[in-house]
Amino acid sequence: MTDKKDIGQMDEKEIPGKLEYFDGRLRKVVDARRSGWWRFNEHYDRDGYCDNPARGY
């Protein structure tokens, strides 16, 4: 028997550079020039944009 969640995932399609699967879910691409975590997320610190999400505050 097919689960509703599985059916919904089968209907969703990747659009390279716009919607892509990351960590098992379809996510909006924030910056297609980047790779990995940074492709789907922006990280800001107190002073503005920060490329390093592991930076301490």
PDB file of N, CA and C in Angstrom:
ATOM      1  N   MET A   1       0.848  -1.186   0.000  1.00  0.00           N
ATOM      2  CA  MET A   1       0.000   0.000   0.000  1.00  0.00           C
ATOM      3  C   MET A   1       0.889   1.243   0.000  1.00  0.00           C
ATOM      4  N   THR A   2       0.547   2.212  -0.793  1.00  0.00           N
ATOM      5  CA  THR A   2       1.347   3.427  -0.933  1.00  0.00           C
ATOM      6  C   THR A   2       0.877   4.496   0.049  1.00  0.00           C
ATOM      7  N   ASP A   3       1.815   5.101   0.699  1.00  0.00           N
ATOM      8  CA  ASP A   3       1.527   6.167   1.653  1.00  0.00           C
ATOM      9  C   ASP A   3       1.277   7.472   0.898  1.00  0.00           C
ATOM     10  N   LYS A   4       0.376   8.328   1.418  1.00  0.00           N
ATOM     11  CA  LYS A   4       0.070   9.614   0.765  1.00  0.00           C
ATOM     12  C   LYS A   4       1.331  10.465   0.608  1.00  0.00           C
ATOM     13  N   LYS A   5       2.207  10.425   1.612  1.00  0.00           N
ATOM     14  CA  LYS A   5       3.425  11.215   1.573  1.00  0.00           C
ATOM     15  C   LYS A   5       4.293  10.788   0.384  1.00  0.00           C
ATOM     16  N   ASP A   6       4.357   9.477   0.124  1.00  0.00           N
ATOM     17  CA  ASP A   6       5.135   8.976  -1.001  1.00  0.00           C
ATOM     18  C   ASP A   6       4.556   9.465  -2.326  1.00  0.00           C
ATOM     19  N   ILE A   7       3.247   9.475  -2.442  1.00  0.00           N
ATOM     20  CA  ILE A   7       2.593   9.942  -3.669  1.00  0.00           C
ATOM     21  C   ILE A   7       2.925  11.412  -3.898  1.00  0.00           C
ATOM     22  N   GLY A   8       2.865  12.214  -2.851  1.00  0.00           N
ATOM     23  CA  GLY A   8       3.178  13.636  -2.972  1.00  0.00           C
ATOM     24  C   GLY A   8       4.615  13.849  -3.409  1.00  0.00           C
ATOM     25  N   GLN A   9       5.537  13.058  -2.893  1.00  0.00           N
ATOM     26  CA  GLN A   9       6.929  13.197  -3.261  1.00  0.00           C
ATOM     27  C   GLN A   9       7.157  12.789  -4.710  1.00  0.00           C
ATOM     28  N   MET A  10       6.398  11.820  -5.204  1.00  0.00           N
ATOM     29  CA  MET A  10       6.554  11.395  -6.586  1.00  0.00           C
ATOM     30  C   MET A  10       6.064  12.483  -7.538  1.00  0.00           C
ATOM     31  N   ASP A  11       5.067  13.275  -7.124  1.00  0.00           N
ATOM     32  CA  ASP A  11       4.533  14.341  -7.965  1.00  0.00           C
ATOM     33  C   ASP A  11       5.470  15.543  -8.020  1.00  0.00           C
ATOM     34  N   GLU A  12       6.267  15.743  -6.970  1.00  0.00           N
ATOM     35  CA  GLU A  12       7.177  16.878  -6.927  1.00  0.00           C
ATOM     36  C   GLU A  12       8.401  16.571  -7.774  1.00  0.00           C
ATOM     37  N   LYS A  13       8.796  17.526  -8.602  1.00  0.00           N
ATOM     38  CA  LYS A  13       9.937  17.318  -9.483  1.00  0.00           C
ATOM     39  C   LYS A  13      10.981  18.382  -9.246  1.00  0.00           C
ATOM     40  N   GLU A  14      12.232  17.962  -9.418  1.00  0.00           N
ATOM     41  CA  GLU A  14      13.328  18.901  -9.317  1.00  0.00           C
ATOM     42  C   GLU A  14      13.346  19.826 -10.530  1.00  0.00           C
ATOM     43  N   ILE A  15      13.706  21.060 -10.284  1.00  0.00           N
ATOM     44  CA  ILE A  15      13.953  22.032 -11.346  1.00  0.00           C
ATOM     45  C   ILE A  15      15.372  22.527 -11.084  1.00  0.00           C
ATOM     46  N   PRO A  16      16.349  22.040 -11.848  1.00  0.00           N
ATOM     47  CA  PRO A  16      17.741  22.405 -11.586  1.00  0.00           C
ATOM     48  C   PRO A  16      17.938  23.916 -11.471  1.00  0.00           C
ATOM     49  N   GLY A  17      18.586  24.316 -10.370  1.00  0.00           N
ATOM     50  CA  GLY A  17      18.831  25.737 -10.122  1.00  0.00           C
ATOM     51  C   GLY A  17      17.699  26.453  -9.423  1.00  0.00           C
ATOM     52  N   LYS A  18      16.540  25.796  -9.261  1.00  0.00           N
ATOM     53  CA  LYS A  18      15.390  26.424  -8.589  1.00  0.00           C
ATOM     54  C   LYS A  18      14.861  25.564  -7.450  1.00  0.00           C
ATOM     55  N   LEU A  19      14.533  24.316  -7.714  1.00  0.00           N
ATOM     56  CA  LEU A  19      14.067  23.369  -6.701  1.00  0.00           C
ATOM     57  C   LEU A  19      14.889  22.093  -6.837  1.00  0.00           C
ATOM     58  N   GLU A  20      15.559  21.704  -5.763  1.00  0.00           N
ATOM     59  CA  GLU A  20      16.394  20.509  -5.791  1.00  0.00           C
ATOM     60  C   GLU A  20      16.270  19.767  -4.466  1.00  0.00           C
ATOM     61  N   TYR A  21      16.523  18.464  -4.516  1.00  0.00           N
ATOM     62  CA  TYR A  21      16.514  17.665  -3.297  1.00  0.00           C
ATOM     63  C   TYR A  21      17.805  17.873  -2.529  1.00  0.00           C
ATOM     64  N   PHE A  22      17.682  18.122  -1.227  1.00  0.00           N
ATOM     65  CA  PHE A  22      18.817  18.265  -0.319  1.00  0.00           C
ATOM     66  C   PHE A  22      18.390  17.720   1.033  1.00  0.00           C
ATOM     67  N   ASP A  23      19.161  16.834   1.600  1.00  0.00           N
ATOM     68  CA  ASP A  23      18.841  16.194   2.879  1.00  0.00           C
ATOM     69  C   ASP A  23      17.472  15.523   2.842  1.00  0.00           C
ATOM     70  N   GLY A  24      17.132  14.903   1.715  1.00  0.00           N
ATOM     71  CA  GLY A  24      15.901  14.136   1.615  1.00  0.00           C
ATOM     72  C   GLY A  24      14.632  14.928   1.384  1.00  0.00           C
ATOM     73  N   ARG A  25      14.737  16.246   1.163  1.00  0.00           N
ATOM     74  CA  ARG A  25      13.537  17.035   0.881  1.00  0.00           C
ATOM     75  C   ARG A  25      13.779  17.948  -0.305  1.00  0.00           C
ATOM     76  N   LEU A  26      12.698  18.305  -0.947  1.00  0.00           N
ATOM     77  CA  LEU A  26      12.764  19.237  -2.058  1.00  0.00           C
ATOM     78  C   LEU A  26      12.855  20.643  -1.477  1.00  0.00           C
ATOM     79  N   ARG A  27      13.910  21.368  -1.839  1.00  0.00           N
ATOM     80  CA  ARG A  27      14.131  22.690  -1.263  1.00  0.00           C
ATOM     81  C   ARG A  27      14.397  23.722  -2.344  1.00  0.00           C
ATOM     82  N   LYS A  28      14.077  24.962  -2.033  1.00  0.00           N
ATOM     83  CA  LYS A  28      14.317  26.087  -2.938  1.00  0.00           C
ATOM     84  C   LYS A  28      15.814  26.414  -2.931  1.00  0.00           C
ATOM     85  N   VAL A  29      16.388  26.587  -4.104  1.00  0.00           N
ATOM     86  CA  VAL A  29      17.799  26.946  -4.235  1.00  0.00           C
ATOM     87  C   VAL A  29      17.921  28.455  -4.032  1.00  0.00           C
ATOM     88  N   VAL A  30      18.764  28.849  -3.081  1.00  0.00           N
ATOM     89  CA  VAL A  30      18.969  30.266  -2.784  1.00  0.00           C
ATOM     90  C   VAL A  30      20.060  30.844  -3.678  1.00  0.00           C
ATOM     91  N   ASP A  31      21.156  30.108  -3.841  1.00  0.00           N
ATOM     92  CA  ASP A  31      22.282  30.571  -4.664  1.00  0.00           C
ATOM     93  C   ASP A  31      22.822  29.386  -5.466  1.00  0.00           C
ATOM     94  N   ALA A  32      22.450  29.299  -6.732  1.00  0.00           N
ATOM     95  CA  ALA A  32      22.811  28.157  -7.571  1.00  0.00           C
ATOM     96  C   ALA A  32      24.310  28.090  -7.882  1.00  0.00           C
ATOM     97  N   ARG A  33      25.052  29.161  -7.640  1.00  0.00           N
ATOM     98  CA  ARG A  33      26.501  29.142  -7.884  1.00  0.00           C
ATOM     99  C   ARG A  33      27.240  28.358  -6.811  1.00  0.00           C
ATOM    100  N   ARG A  34      26.628  28.161  -5.667  1.00  0.00           N
ATOM    101  CA  ARG A  34      27.270  27.492  -4.544  1.00  0.00           C
ATOM    102  C   ARG A  34      26.946  26.015  -4.512  1.00  0.00           C
ATOM    103  N   SER A  35      27.563  25.289  -3.600  1.00  0.00           N
ATOM    104  CA  SER A  35      27.279  23.859  -3.459  1.00  0.00           C
ATOM    105  C   SER A  35      27.006  23.531  -2.006  1.00  0.00           C
ATOM    106  N   GLY A  36      26.425  22.367  -1.782  1.00  0.00           N
ATOM    107  CA  GLY A  36      26.147  21.908  -0.418  1.00  0.00           C
ATOM    108  C   GLY A  36      25.151  22.780   0.321  1.00  0.00           C
ATOM    109  N   TRP A  37      25.354  22.931   1.631  1.00  0.00           N
ATOM    110  CA  TRP A  37      24.457  23.664   2.521  1.00  0.00           C
ATOM    111  C   TRP A  37      24.232  25.094   2.036  1.00  0.00           C
ATOM    112  N   TRP A  38      25.299  25.718   1.521  1.00  0.00           N
ATOM    113  CA  TRP A  38      25.225  27.130   1.121  1.00  0.00           C
ATOM    114  C   TRP A  38      24.337  27.340  -0.102  1.00  0.00           C
ATOM    115  N   ARG A  39      24.102  26.288  -0.886  1.00  0.00           N
ATOM    116  CA  ARG A  39      23.232  26.393  -2.057  1.00  0.00           C
ATOM    117  C   ARG A  39      21.780  26.647  -1.652  1.00  0.00           C
ATOM    118  N   PHE A  40      21.403  26.196  -0.457  1.00  0.00           N
ATOM    119  CA  PHE A  40      20.008  26.259  -0.009  1.00  0.00           C
ATOM    120  C   PHE A  40      19.773  27.191   1.173  1.00  0.00           C
ATOM    121  N   ASN A  41      20.819  27.752   1.745  1.00  0.00           N
ATOM    122  CA  ASN A  41      20.685  28.588   2.941  1.00  0.00           C
ATOM    123  C   ASN A  41      21.552  29.824   2.836  1.00  0.00           C
ATOM    124  N   GLU A  42      21.126  30.873   3.490  1.00  0.00           N
ATOM    125  CA  GLU A  42      21.957  32.058   3.663  1.00  0.00           C
ATOM    126  C   GLU A  42      22.231  32.176   5.147  1.00  0.00           C
ATOM    127  N   HIS A  43      23.437  32.558   5.484  1.00  0.00           N
ATOM    128  CA  HIS A  43      23.785  32.714   6.894  1.00  0.00           C
ATOM    129  C   HIS A  43      24.194  34.157   7.141  1.00  0.00           C
ATOM    130  N   TYR A  44      23.532  34.765   8.073  1.00  0.00           N
ATOM    131  CA  TYR A  44      23.844  36.147   8.417  1.00  0.00           C
ATOM    132  C   TYR A  44      24.341  36.225   9.850  1.00  0.00           C
ATOM    133  N   ASP A  45      25.329  37.060  10.092  1.00  0.00           N
ATOM    134  CA  ASP A  45      25.758  37.325  11.458  1.00  0.00           C
ATOM    135  C   ASP A  45      25.328  38.745  11.826  1.00  0.00           C
ATOM    136  N   ARG A  46      25.804  39.253  12.923  1.00  0.00           N
ATOM    137  CA  ARG A  46      25.373  40.583  13.390  1.00  0.00           C
ATOM    138  C   ARG A  46      25.750  41.706  12.436  1.00  0.00           C
ATOM    139  N   ASP A  47      26.858  41.530  11.708  1.00  0.00           N
ATOM    140  CA  ASP A  47      27.357  42.590  10.834  1.00  0.00           C
ATOM    141  C   ASP A  47      26.944  42.442   9.380  1.00  0.00           C
ATOM    142  N   GLY A  48      26.241  41.376   9.035  1.00  0.00           N
ATOM    143  CA  GLY A  48      25.862  41.154   7.644  1.00  0.00           C
ATOM    144  C   GLY A  48      26.110  39.714   7.241  1.00  0.00           C
ATOM    145  N   TYR A  49      26.355  39.501   5.987  1.00  0.00           N
ATOM    146  CA  TYR A  49      26.496  38.143   5.468  1.00  0.00           C
ATOM    147  C   TYR A  49      27.770  37.466   5.965  1.00  0.00           C
ATOM    148  N   CYS A  50      27.651  36.205   6.285  1.00  0.00           N
ATOM    149  CA  CYS A  50      28.773  35.414   6.777  1.00  0.00           C
ATOM    150  C   CYS A  50      28.781  34.077   6.038  1.00  0.00           C
ATOM    151  N   ASP A  51      29.881  33.772   5.344  1.00  0.00           N
ATOM    152  CA  ASP A  51      29.968  32.516   4.591  1.00  0.00           C
ATOM    153  C   ASP A  51      30.198  31.296   5.476  1.00  0.00           C
ATOM    154  N   ASN A  52      30.560  31.471   6.702  1.00  0.00           N
ATOM    155  CA  ASN A  52      30.907  30.345   7.557  1.00  0.00           C
ATOM    156  C   ASN A  52      29.837  30.116   8.612  1.00  0.00           C
ATOM    157  N   PRO A  53      28.956  29.108   8.451  1.00  0.00           N
ATOM    158  CA  PRO A  53      27.890  28.874   9.428  1.00  0.00           C
ATOM    159  C   PRO A  53      28.398  28.385  10.778  1.00  0.00           C
ATOM    160  N   ALA A  54      29.668  27.949  10.832  1.00  0.00           N
ATOM    161  CA  ALA A  54      30.221  27.462  12.087  1.00  0.00           C
ATOM    162  C   ALA A  54      30.881  28.575  12.896  1.00  0.00           C
ATOM    163  N   ARG A  55      30.864  29.779  12.389  1.00  0.00           N
ATOM    164  CA  ARG A  55      31.503  30.895  13.084  1.00  0.00           C
ATOM    165  C   ARG A  55      30.823  31.168  14.419  1.00  0.00           C
ATOM    166  N   GLY A  56      31.611  31.354  15.435  1.00  0.00           N
ATOM    167  CA  GLY A  56      31.069  31.654  16.761  1.00  0.00           C
ATOM    168  C   GLY A  56      30.627  33.093  16.869  1.00  0.00           C
ATOM    169  N   TYR A  57      29.729  33.331  17.795  1.00  0.00           N
ATOM    170  CA  TYR A  57      29.233  34.693  17.991  1.00  0.00           C
ATOM    171  C   TYR A  57      29.825  35.292  19.219  1.00  0.00           C
TER     172      TYR A  57
END
